[in-house]
Every structure is written in structure tokens, then in C-alpha cells.
Amino acid sequence: MALAPSAAQTDAQDAASEGINAPDLQLFVFALFFIFGGITSLNDVIIPKLKELFTLNFFQAMLVQFCFFTAYAVIGIPGAMLVKRIGYMRGAVVGLSTMLVGCLLFIPASQNGVYELFLLALFVLASGVVLVQIVANPLISLLGPPRTAHSRLTFAQAFNSVGTTIFPFVGALVILAPLAASGGTTVQSFWDVSRVIDPDCRGGHPPVAVAPTAAYRIAETQIVAQTYLGLAIALAVIALVVWVFRNRLRGEQHDATSLSASLSLLSRPRFAFGALCIFLYVGAEVAIGSALVNYLKSSHSLCLTEQSAGKQLLFYWGGAMLGRFVGSAVLRAVSPGKVLAGVAMGAIALILASIATSGAVAANTLLAVGLMNAIMFPTIFSLASEKLGPRAADGSGIINVAIFGGAVIPLITGALADATSLTAALLLPAVCYGVIAAYGIYARKPAVD
């Protein structure tokens, strides 16, 4: 998942004319991108696991994403104010520590077997992710000469893409593996991404769901808690390292900005339309990623086992990662607005093809939407931010809040899936991409104001 530049990024670039020569610190910032990108996409594996264990409908299961992405709306602006007050390095430590607490909250959630506690843990974890995201982009900009800041930021974003690709794959292998005592399928080898069919899914009639016992639920969620405990340990190590380097940034300065001044940017049609598209894009990307495991398990698609379906997320997020490299080359030769409109219409075509077909075609076309997603976020952001000048930092703050779409669109998609079917509910992301295509056409010419 692409990340919005922080509202403080311009301040960071002005803070040091020559940058700081600290390649060792750069490595840890790259690790930040990798970890919080991976943690965000790991929700796609958590959703089907909790849906089964707590016998949830789609709307209830999508509360995972709602609680996670609501943190962008709640924490975004206060988080930027906190970072401006205590500085980037200490802000990173606060964010990492908050993520650590969120990971540890999975332990009591598992021990008590209460779904609401998992949602609380996810919100706290996401609050830390938002804080770290506010810090990460300007921090990597500081760690080197200003002339190479764009290159370093692009390289850091690549680490984020690697995280979003690897974490769901490993998470499917570990979290979606059934207990041996439960009579589940045999766990696949690590690199085996073959599509294993669920023998109980026949003729369009999935097996009758049996409500898990409390003991089974607690036992199965232990692996979730253990996974996040491992993440907590990694976060603790990184937080400690960042704390050791907390005084490395000298002359750090931040300009005060008012909320009303930032919101006034919404009076600019090009920016307001772009912010809406960020809301819709993140929502559509997250909604599809969240639904994929259950979709690939369904009789409309491939009838895969849960673990096998989870491992197919590698192709959805991996497509987005590879598409960034291809897209960056295309964007040098073709108008960004035209490219955006093209990939958005491509996403619509793939979704409609998935709905209209079945089996492998339905599965592969929906997985291919990840490739269409690759350049959407940075392209929408750059188009919306054209001609903002010194107010670009305020604009990026609003863009961070617009990521809240990752909370709203998946929740509505879940409600539609309950009312109709998961296949029909995919029409909502298609509508989102339709609006994005319209924005690409609207913004195909350079801004004039």
C-alpha cells in the first residue's frame, strides 16, 4: 500500500541544507517502511481467520479494517502536531512504542477470546502506524543530500511494497494453518503457492458452518497472538535503536499551521477531487484485498482451502509492487492523468470480468487488479498537489486523513455482501475506480492555478 508524504515533509527538507550522512540510520528507516507496510496488509489474513472463529458476517469482519483505518482520521492531525512538538526521532519512538502496545494487546484478546478486544488492539496498532508514517517520509528526506531525497523516498517506498507482499504470504502460512487436532488440511511448504482445493466445497454448496467452541477459539487465536508478539519484539528492537539516535538531527524546525488553513485547500476543485479519489482508491484497494481470501474460497471462484487462498494474496500485492516499476517508466512518457484513467478503467474491466465469469478466470482477473493499483496513489497525490507551492505540506496532511477511506469502503462492501453476495459487492470498488478514471481525465492537463 502506498503511503502519503507526511504533512511535515517540506519542513524536514528545509531543516538541513546538506542532509545528514547516516547510512546506518537509513537502514532502520527502510525497516520502518517494510514493517508498517506489512502490518497493514496482514489484516487481509486476520479477517478470514477472525470471521471463521467468531462466526461473523462480512460486515462484522470488515470492522477489522474500519478500526484500523479510522486511526488515520483520529490520529492524523494530532499526530502531526505531536511530531512537530517533540521532533522526528522521538516521534518515531512514540509511534513504534504505540505499535508495540497494539501488538501486545493481541495476547489478552486471544486469552479471553473476545472479538472486540482484537478490534481495540488493531486500533492501537494502527495509531502507532499513523505516527510512524507521519515521521518516516521526512526522516528519510533528511538522511542525505536534498538532491537525492526523491530517490531515497522512492527506494523506501519499495521496502513498503516488499512488506505488503511478504507479510500476507507468511501470515497465510502461519495464521491460516488449522490446528492438527482439528482435522484440517496439511500445511503447505513455505514456497508452495499451488491452489489446494477444499474437498468440502462442491456444487456451489459450502459446508455448514459449525460455531467454534470457546476452547477452540482461544487455541486457534493463540497463533495470532504469537505472530504479533514476534512483531512486538522486532518493534522493540527498532524503537531502541531509534532512541539511541534520537539526538542525531540538529536544527530541526517546524512551522505552525492551522487546521482552518489546511482545510481551505478543499476549496480548490482539483485538490478536493483528488482527496476524494485517495479516499476511494484506498477504500477500493483494501476492500478487494480484504475480500480475496473468502472470494477464492467460494464456489464462484476456486473453492480453495483457507490457507491456500491466503497465499494467493502474494499475487495481488506482488502485482502492485511490480507495477510500480513498470508504471514509473510509463509515467515518463505518457501524461499521468491519462495513465491514471487507463489503469482505473483496467481495474473496472477486471472486476467486471471476475463477476461475470467463474473459476480460475474469476480468480485471476480479481488478483490482477493489484497490478492496476500500482501507480494510483502516488499519481493521484501528485495531480492533486500540483501548484500548491508552499501549501503542499498542508495538502499532504489532508491526504493522510483521506486514507480513512480504507475504513469506510470495506465496511460498506461487507454490508453489501451480506445483503446480496460477495461477488455482487465487488461492484462498489468498481464504482470507486470509475470516479478515479474520471479524475484522471479531468486532471490530464497541467494545473493552471
Protein backbone atom coordinates (compact mmCIF):
# COMPACT_ATOMS: atom_id res chain seq x y z
CA MET A 1 0.00 0.00 0.00
CA ALA A 2 1.36 3.39 -0.99
CA LEU A 3 1.93 5.92 1.73
CA ALA A 4 1.14 9.61 1.78
CA PRO A 5 4.01 12.01 2.31
CA SER A 6 3.86 13.50 5.78
CA ALA A 7 2.37 16.91 6.44
CA ALA A 8 5.78 17.88 7.77
CA GLN A 9 7.83 16.75 4.78
CA THR A 10 8.58 20.23 3.46
CA ASP A 11 9.70 21.33 6.93
CA ALA A 12 12.08 18.39 7.05
CA GLN A 13 13.69 19.21 3.75
CA ASP A 14 14.29 22.78 4.88
CA ALA A 15 15.78 21.72 8.20
CA ALA A 16 19.12 20.67 6.78
CA SER A 17 20.56 22.09 3.57
CA GLU A 18 23.08 19.29 3.12
CA GLY A 19 21.28 16.49 4.92
CA ILE A 20 22.77 14.07 7.40
CA ASN A 21 25.21 11.41 6.31
CA ALA A 22 23.86 8.48 8.30
CA PRO A 23 23.54 5.36 6.11
CA ASP A 24 23.17 3.22 9.23
CA LEU A 25 20.10 5.18 10.26
CA GLN A 26 18.71 4.92 6.75
CA LEU A 27 18.63 1.15 7.11
CA PHE A 28 16.38 1.40 10.13
CA VAL A 29 14.05 3.83 8.37
CA PHE A 30 13.80 1.37 5.48
CA ALA A 31 12.91 -1.25 8.10
CA LEU A 32 10.09 1.03 9.29
CA PHE A 33 8.61 1.15 5.80
CA PHE A 34 8.87 -2.63 5.49
CA ILE A 35 7.25 -3.37 8.86
CA PHE A 36 4.32 -0.97 8.86
CA GLY A 37 3.54 -1.69 5.22
CA GLY A 38 3.47 -5.40 6.03
CA ILE A 39 1.45 -4.97 9.21
CA THR A 40 -1.23 -3.07 7.29
CA SER A 41 -1.63 -5.77 4.63
CA LEU A 42 -1.58 -8.51 7.27
CA ASN A 43 -5.18 -7.52 8.03
CA ASP A 44 -6.20 -9.37 4.86
CA VAL A 45 -5.20 -12.61 6.61
CA ILE A 46 -6.62 -11.67 10.01
CA ILE A 47 -10.09 -11.01 8.57
CA PRO A 48 -10.92 -14.55 7.32
CA LYS A 49 -9.37 -16.05 10.48
CA LEU A 50 -11.50 -13.98 12.85
CA LYS A 51 -14.55 -14.33 10.60
CA GLU A 52 -14.42 -18.09 10.98
CA LEU A 53 -13.57 -18.20 14.68
CA PHE A 54 -16.22 -15.70 15.78
CA THR A 55 -18.80 -16.74 13.13
CA LEU A 56 -19.03 -13.20 11.80
CA ASN A 57 -20.89 -11.90 8.80
CA PHE A 58 -18.99 -9.84 6.23
CA PHE A 59 -19.96 -6.51 7.78
CA GLN A 60 -18.71 -7.59 11.20
CA ALA A 61 -15.49 -8.99 9.72
CA MET A 62 -14.78 -5.72 7.90
CA LEU A 63 -14.77 -3.92 11.26
CA VAL A 64 -11.12 -5.02 11.32
CA GLN A 65 -10.34 -2.56 8.55
CA PHE A 66 -12.74 0.03 9.94
CA CYS A 67 -10.98 0.11 13.31
CA PHE A 68 -7.55 0.08 11.67
CA PHE A 69 -8.08 2.86 9.15
CA THR A 70 -10.18 5.00 11.46
CA ALA A 71 -6.88 5.76 13.18
CA TYR A 72 -5.91 7.88 10.14
CA ALA A 73 -8.89 10.17 10.75
CA VAL A 74 -8.50 10.26 14.53
CA ILE A 75 -4.71 10.36 14.93
CA GLY A 76 -3.52 12.05 11.71
CA ILE A 77 -3.73 15.73 12.68
CA PRO A 78 -2.96 15.33 16.42
CA GLY A 79 -0.08 13.05 15.47
CA ALA A 80 1.43 15.70 13.17
CA MET A 81 1.16 18.25 15.99
CA LEU A 82 2.90 15.85 18.39
CA VAL A 83 5.74 15.21 15.96
CA LYS A 84 6.24 18.93 15.47
CA ARG A 85 6.45 19.33 19.24
CA ILE A 86 8.88 16.51 20.11
CA GLY A 87 10.75 16.04 16.81
CA TYR A 88 11.03 13.30 14.23
CA MET A 89 13.21 10.83 16.09
CA ARG A 90 11.28 10.94 19.34
CA GLY A 91 8.06 10.90 17.35
CA ALA A 92 9.23 7.70 15.67
CA VAL A 93 9.90 6.16 19.09
CA VAL A 94 6.40 7.11 20.28
CA GLY A 95 4.89 5.61 17.14
CA LEU A 96 6.89 2.38 17.40
CA SER A 97 6.05 2.08 21.09
CA THR A 98 2.35 2.54 20.33
CA MET A 99 2.58 -0.16 17.67
CA LEU A 100 4.30 -2.40 20.21
CA VAL A 101 1.46 -1.90 22.70
CA GLY A 102 -1.07 -2.70 19.98
CA CYS A 103 0.74 -5.95 19.17
CA LEU A 104 0.86 -6.94 22.85
CA LEU A 105 -2.89 -6.32 23.19
CA PHE A 106 -3.44 -9.32 20.93
CA ILE A 107 -2.35 -11.51 23.86
CA PRO A 108 -5.26 -10.66 26.22
CA ALA A 109 -7.59 -10.60 23.20
CA SER A 110 -6.59 -14.19 22.43
CA GLN A 111 -6.66 -15.35 26.05
CA ASN A 112 -10.20 -14.04 26.50
CA GLY A 113 -11.42 -14.93 23.03
CA VAL A 114 -13.24 -11.60 22.63
CA TYR A 115 -13.58 -10.07 19.16
CA GLU A 116 -13.92 -6.51 20.48
CA LEU A 117 -10.51 -6.78 22.14
CA PHE A 118 -8.96 -7.68 18.80
CA LEU A 119 -10.56 -4.56 17.30
CA LEU A 120 -9.13 -2.44 20.13
CA ALA A 121 -5.69 -3.94 19.56
CA LEU A 122 -5.92 -3.15 15.85
CA PHE A 123 -6.88 0.48 16.51
CA VAL A 124 -3.97 0.99 18.90
CA LEU A 125 -1.61 -0.71 16.46
CA ALA A 126 -2.85 1.48 13.61
CA SER A 127 -2.45 4.62 15.73
CA GLY A 128 1.23 3.82 16.01
CA VAL A 129 1.41 3.13 12.25
CA VAL A 130 -0.01 6.59 11.56
CA LEU A 131 2.55 8.24 13.84
CA VAL A 132 5.43 6.37 12.23
CA GLN A 133 4.10 7.22 8.77
CA ILE A 134 3.98 10.91 9.69
CA VAL A 135 7.67 10.66 10.59
CA ALA A 136 9.07 8.23 8.02
CA ASN A 137 8.92 10.25 4.79
CA PRO A 138 10.50 13.47 6.12
CA LEU A 139 13.00 11.45 8.12
CA ILE A 140 14.30 9.63 5.06
CA SER A 141 14.44 13.01 3.29
CA LEU A 142 16.76 14.33 5.98
CA LEU A 143 19.18 11.41 5.83
CA GLY A 144 21.22 12.50 2.86
CA PRO A 145 21.64 15.32 0.33
CA PRO A 146 18.42 17.08 -0.72
CA ARG A 147 19.20 16.43 -4.40
CA THR A 148 18.77 12.67 -3.84
CA ALA A 149 15.78 12.88 -1.48
CA HIS A 150 13.30 11.74 -4.15
CA SER A 151 15.44 8.71 -4.97
CA ARG A 152 15.70 7.73 -1.30
CA LEU A 153 11.97 8.13 -0.78
CA THR A 154 11.18 6.01 -3.84
CA PHE A 155 13.60 3.35 -2.60
CA ALA A 156 11.96 3.44 0.84
CA GLN A 157 8.52 3.00 -0.78
CA ALA A 158 9.89 -0.12 -2.44
CA PHE A 159 10.57 -1.57 1.01
CA ASN A 160 6.95 -0.82 1.89
CA SER A 161 5.79 -2.74 -1.18
CA VAL A 162 8.00 -5.68 -0.26
CA GLY A 163 6.39 -5.71 3.18
CA THR A 164 2.85 -5.66 1.78
CA THR A 165 3.77 -8.60 -0.45
CA ILE A 166 5.61 -10.80 2.05
CA PHE A 167 3.58 -10.34 5.24
CA PRO A 168 0.24 -11.70 3.91
CA PHE A 169 2.04 -14.68 2.36
CA VAL A 170 3.83 -15.61 5.58
CA GLY A 171 0.71 -14.74 7.58
CA ALA A 172 -1.36 -17.16 5.50
CA LEU A 173 1.21 -19.89 6.09
CA VAL A 174 1.23 -19.35 9.86
CA ILE A 175 -2.11 -17.82 10.88
CA LEU A 176 -4.41 -19.66 8.47
CA ALA A 177 -2.89 -23.08 9.17
CA PRO A 178 -5.54 -25.09 11.06
CA LEU A 179 -4.69 -26.95 14.25
CA ALA A 180 -3.63 -30.53 13.57
CA ALA A 181 -6.16 -31.75 16.09
CA SER A 182 -8.97 -30.05 14.22
CA GLY A 183 -8.69 -32.38 11.26
CA GLY A 184 -7.74 -29.58 8.92
CA THR A 185 -5.67 -29.80 5.78
CA THR A 186 -1.96 -30.47 5.79
CA VAL A 187 0.13 -27.32 6.00
CA GLN A 188 1.81 -26.50 2.70
CA SER A 189 5.53 -25.96 2.36
CA PHE A 190 6.69 -22.34 2.54
CA TRP A 191 7.09 -21.65 -1.17
CA ASP A 192 4.20 -23.81 -2.35
CA VAL A 193 1.65 -21.43 -3.88
CA SER A 194 -0.28 -24.16 -5.68
CA ARG A 195 -4.04 -23.91 -5.39
CA VAL A 196 -5.28 -26.57 -3.00
CA ILE A 197 -8.99 -27.34 -3.38
CA ASP A 198 -11.24 -27.66 -0.36
CA PRO A 199 -12.97 -31.06 -0.78
CA ASP A 200 -15.99 -29.81 1.18
CA CYS A 201 -16.76 -27.08 -1.37
CA ARG A 202 -18.82 -28.85 -4.00
CA GLY A 203 -21.56 -27.87 -6.38
CA GLY A 204 -21.85 -24.36 -5.02
CA HIS A 205 -22.75 -25.60 -1.55
CA PRO A 206 -20.08 -24.84 1.07
CA PRO A 207 -20.09 -26.92 4.24
CA VAL A 208 -22.46 -25.93 7.00
CA ALA A 209 -20.63 -23.71 9.45
CA VAL A 210 -20.33 -25.04 12.99
CA ALA A 211 -19.90 -22.48 15.75
CA PRO A 212 -16.43 -22.94 17.28
CA THR A 213 -16.27 -23.72 20.97
CA ALA A 214 -14.65 -21.19 23.30
CA ALA A 215 -11.69 -23.51 23.88
CA TYR A 216 -11.13 -24.00 20.16
CA ARG A 217 -11.41 -20.26 19.53
CA ILE A 218 -8.84 -19.45 22.22
CA ALA A 219 -6.48 -22.17 20.98
CA GLU A 220 -6.70 -21.00 17.35
CA THR A 221 -6.20 -17.33 18.21
CA GLN A 222 -3.02 -18.17 20.10
CA ILE A 223 -1.14 -18.33 16.82
CA VAL A 224 -2.41 -14.83 16.01
CA ALA A 225 -1.16 -13.59 19.37
CA GLN A 226 2.20 -15.31 18.88
CA THR A 227 2.59 -13.72 15.45
CA TYR A 228 2.01 -10.24 16.82
CA LEU A 229 4.24 -10.97 19.81
CA GLY A 230 7.05 -11.63 17.35
CA LEU A 231 6.27 -8.32 15.66
CA ALA A 232 6.31 -6.60 19.07
CA ILE A 233 9.83 -7.89 19.71
CA ALA A 234 11.01 -6.58 16.34
CA LEU A 235 9.38 -3.21 17.02
CA ALA A 236 11.04 -3.00 20.43
CA VAL A 237 14.47 -3.52 18.86
CA ILE A 238 13.88 -0.86 16.23
CA ALA A 239 12.47 1.60 18.79
CA LEU A 240 15.56 1.11 20.94
CA VAL A 241 17.86 1.79 18.01
CA VAL A 242 15.94 4.93 17.02
CA TRP A 243 16.07 6.13 20.63
CA VAL A 244 19.84 5.73 20.65
CA PHE A 245 19.96 8.03 17.61
CA ARG A 246 17.35 10.45 18.97
CA ASN A 247 19.77 13.40 19.04
CA ARG A 248 21.25 12.88 15.57
CA LEU A 249 19.01 15.50 13.92
CA ARG A 250 20.25 19.01 14.68
CA GLY A 251 18.50 22.27 13.86
CA GLU A 252 15.14 20.62 13.34
CA GLN A 253 12.44 23.25 12.77
CA HIS A 254 8.70 23.09 12.18
CA ASP A 255 6.33 25.80 11.05
CA ALA A 256 2.99 26.04 12.79
CA THR A 257 -0.05 25.53 10.56
CA SER A 258 -3.71 25.93 11.44
CA LEU A 259 -6.42 23.41 10.73
CA SER A 260 -8.60 26.02 9.05
CA ALA A 261 -5.75 26.98 6.70
CA SER A 262 -5.28 23.35 5.71
CA LEU A 263 -8.98 22.73 5.15
CA SER A 264 -9.24 25.81 2.93
CA LEU A 265 -7.40 23.79 0.29
CA LEU A 266 -10.62 21.86 -0.24
CA SER A 267 -11.98 24.94 -1.99
CA ARG A 268 -9.64 24.07 -4.87
CA PRO A 269 -11.62 21.69 -7.15
CA ARG A 270 -8.54 19.84 -8.42
CA PHE A 271 -7.27 19.18 -4.90
CA ALA A 272 -10.68 18.34 -3.41
CA PHE A 273 -11.44 15.90 -6.23
CA GLY A 274 -8.01 14.34 -5.71
CA ALA A 275 -8.54 13.96 -1.97
CA LEU A 276 -11.86 12.23 -2.68
CA CYS A 277 -10.09 9.87 -5.07
CA ILE A 278 -7.49 9.00 -2.43
CA PHE A 279 -10.41 8.13 -0.13
CA LEU A 280 -11.99 5.94 -2.81
CA TYR A 281 -8.74 4.36 -4.01
CA VAL A 282 -7.56 3.24 -0.57
CA GLY A 283 -11.07 2.01 0.16
CA ALA A 284 -11.29 0.00 -3.05
CA GLU A 285 -7.80 -1.48 -2.71
CA VAL A 286 -8.40 -2.50 0.90
CA ALA A 287 -11.91 -3.82 0.20
CA ILE A 288 -10.68 -6.15 -2.53
CA GLY A 289 -7.67 -7.29 -0.51
CA SER A 290 -9.90 -7.95 2.50
CA ALA A 291 -12.39 -9.97 0.47
CA LEU A 292 -9.92 -12.01 -1.57
CA VAL A 293 -9.45 -14.97 0.78
CA ASN A 294 -13.18 -15.54 1.17
CA TYR A 295 -13.69 -14.92 -2.54
CA LEU A 296 -11.10 -17.53 -3.53
CA LYS A 297 -12.68 -19.97 -1.07
CA SER A 298 -16.10 -19.57 -2.67
CA SER A 299 -17.69 -21.85 -5.24
CA HIS A 300 -17.89 -18.91 -7.66
CA SER A 301 -14.11 -18.85 -7.73
CA LEU A 302 -11.75 -21.73 -6.91
CA CYS A 303 -13.06 -23.43 -3.74
CA LEU A 304 -9.60 -23.17 -2.21
CA THR A 305 -8.69 -24.08 1.33
CA GLU A 306 -8.31 -21.05 3.57
CA GLN A 307 -4.53 -21.29 3.77
CA SER A 308 -4.13 -21.78 0.02
CA ALA A 309 -6.44 -18.83 -0.64
CA GLY A 310 -4.42 -16.68 1.75
CA LYS A 311 -1.19 -17.44 -0.04
CA GLN A 312 -2.68 -16.15 -3.30
CA LEU A 313 -2.55 -12.64 -1.79
CA LEU A 314 1.09 -12.76 -2.87
CA PHE A 315 -0.08 -12.13 -6.43
CA TYR A 316 -2.43 -9.25 -5.53
CA TRP A 317 0.12 -7.26 -3.51
CA GLY A 318 3.05 -8.53 -5.59
CA GLY A 319 1.34 -7.21 -8.71
CA ALA A 320 1.14 -3.77 -7.10
CA MET A 321 4.84 -3.96 -6.24
CA LEU A 322 5.94 -4.94 -9.75
CA GLY A 323 3.54 -2.48 -11.32
CA ARG A 324 5.30 0.41 -9.62
CA PHE A 325 8.47 -0.31 -11.55
CA VAL A 326 6.62 -0.59 -14.87
CA GLY A 327 4.42 2.38 -14.09
CA SER A 328 7.32 4.64 -13.22
CA ALA A 329 8.70 4.10 -16.72
CA VAL A 330 5.32 4.64 -18.42
CA LEU A 331 4.71 7.86 -16.50
CA ARG A 332 7.85 9.35 -18.02
CA ALA A 333 6.36 9.08 -21.50
CA VAL A 334 2.60 9.43 -21.00
CA SER A 335 0.52 12.07 -19.25
CA PRO A 336 -0.09 11.00 -15.61
CA GLY A 337 -3.80 11.79 -15.91
CA LYS A 338 -4.14 9.54 -18.95
CA VAL A 339 -2.22 6.74 -17.24
CA LEU A 340 -4.42 7.07 -14.15
CA ALA A 341 -7.60 6.93 -16.23
CA GLY A 342 -6.25 3.94 -18.13
CA VAL A 343 -5.37 1.81 -15.12
CA ALA A 344 -8.62 2.75 -13.37
CA MET A 345 -10.62 1.59 -16.37
CA GLY A 346 -8.45 -1.51 -16.47
CA ALA A 347 -9.38 -2.22 -12.84
CA ILE A 348 -13.08 -1.83 -13.68
CA ALA A 349 -12.77 -4.23 -16.61
CA LEU A 350 -11.01 -6.83 -14.47
CA ILE A 351 -13.62 -6.61 -11.68
CA LEU A 352 -16.50 -6.92 -14.13
CA ALA A 353 -14.79 -9.88 -15.81
CA SER A 354 -14.36 -11.55 -12.42
CA ILE A 355 -18.03 -11.03 -11.59
CA ALA A 356 -19.23 -12.31 -14.97
CA THR A 357 -17.05 -15.43 -15.04
CA SER A 358 -16.20 -18.19 -12.61
CA GLY A 359 -13.37 -20.50 -11.61
CA ALA A 360 -9.79 -19.63 -12.49
CA VAL A 361 -10.78 -16.70 -14.72
CA ALA A 362 -12.77 -15.08 -11.90
CA ALA A 363 -9.88 -15.59 -9.50
CA ASN A 364 -7.09 -14.41 -11.76
CA THR A 365 -8.86 -11.30 -13.02
CA LEU A 366 -9.56 -10.10 -9.47
CA LEU A 367 -5.97 -10.80 -8.39
CA ALA A 368 -4.78 -8.78 -11.41
CA VAL A 369 -6.46 -5.66 -10.02
CA GLY A 370 -3.38 -5.33 -7.81
CA LEU A 371 -1.34 -4.55 -10.92
CA MET A 372 -3.77 -1.75 -11.84
CA ASN A 373 -3.47 -0.30 -8.32
CA ALA A 374 0.29 0.11 -8.57
CA ILE A 375 0.61 3.76 -9.61
CA MET A 376 -2.76 5.10 -8.45
CA PHE A 377 -1.85 6.52 -5.05
CA PRO A 378 1.28 8.50 -6.00
CA THR A 379 -0.30 9.66 -9.26
CA ILE A 380 -3.47 10.92 -7.60
CA PHE A 381 -1.37 12.62 -4.95
CA SER A 382 0.89 14.38 -7.43
CA LEU A 383 -2.03 15.51 -9.62
CA ALA A 384 -3.92 16.86 -6.61
CA SER A 385 -0.84 18.66 -5.26
CA GLU A 386 0.10 20.49 -8.46
CA LYS A 387 0.55 24.25 -7.99
CA LEU A 388 0.08 24.10 -4.22
CA GLY A 389 3.56 25.55 -3.74
CA PRO A 390 4.34 26.23 -0.06
CA ARG A 391 0.97 24.74 0.91
CA ALA A 392 1.94 21.27 -0.34
CA ALA A 393 2.66 20.18 3.24
CA ASP A 394 -0.86 21.14 4.30
CA GLY A 395 -2.22 19.23 1.33
CA SER A 396 -0.34 16.08 2.26
CA GLY A 397 -1.83 16.27 5.74
CA ILE A 398 -5.33 16.20 4.29
CA ILE A 399 -4.31 13.31 2.04
CA ASN A 400 -3.26 11.35 5.14
CA VAL A 401 -6.73 11.86 6.62
CA ALA A 402 -8.33 10.78 3.32
CA ILE A 403 -6.77 7.34 3.83
CA PHE A 404 -9.77 6.91 6.14
CA GLY A 405 -11.46 5.53 3.03
CA GLY A 406 -9.82 2.25 3.96
CA ALA A 407 -12.24 2.13 6.89
CA VAL A 408 -15.46 3.12 5.12
CA ILE A 409 -15.46 1.40 1.71
CA PRO A 410 -14.62 -2.12 3.02
CA LEU A 411 -17.34 -1.80 5.68
CA ILE A 412 -19.95 -0.87 3.06
CA THR A 413 -18.66 -3.68 0.83
CA GLY A 414 -19.17 -6.11 3.72
CA ALA A 415 -22.74 -4.88 4.25
CA LEU A 416 -23.47 -5.33 0.54
CA ALA A 417 -22.00 -8.83 0.63
CA ASP A 418 -24.34 -9.76 3.48
CA ALA A 419 -27.35 -8.28 1.69
CA THR A 420 -26.53 -9.77 -1.74
CA SER A 421 -23.34 -11.77 -2.30
CA LEU A 422 -19.62 -11.19 -2.08
CA THR A 423 -19.43 -11.30 -5.88
CA ALA A 424 -22.08 -8.59 -6.30
CA ALA A 425 -20.48 -6.47 -3.58
CA LEU A 426 -17.39 -6.07 -5.77
CA LEU A 427 -19.39 -3.60 -7.84
CA LEU A 428 -18.71 -0.96 -5.15
CA PRO A 429 -14.92 -0.97 -5.70
CA ALA A 430 -15.66 -0.82 -9.44
CA VAL A 431 -17.69 2.35 -8.88
CA CYS A 432 -14.78 3.80 -6.88
CA TYR A 433 -12.43 3.14 -9.77
CA GLY A 434 -14.94 4.80 -12.10
CA VAL A 435 -14.66 8.05 -10.14
CA ILE A 436 -10.85 7.75 -10.22
CA ALA A 437 -10.93 7.30 -14.01
CA ALA A 438 -13.00 10.47 -14.26
CA TYR A 439 -10.40 12.31 -12.19
CA GLY A 440 -7.63 11.11 -14.48
CA ILE A 441 -9.47 12.57 -17.47
CA TYR A 442 -10.25 15.78 -15.54
CA ALA A 443 -6.62 16.26 -14.41
CA ARG A 444 -4.93 15.13 -17.63
CA LYS A 445 -3.81 18.71 -18.32
CA PRO A 446 -1.41 20.57 -16.01
CA ALA A 447 -2.95 22.71 -13.27
CA VAL A 448 -3.24 26.39 -14.08
CA ASP A 449 -3.64 27.88 -10.61
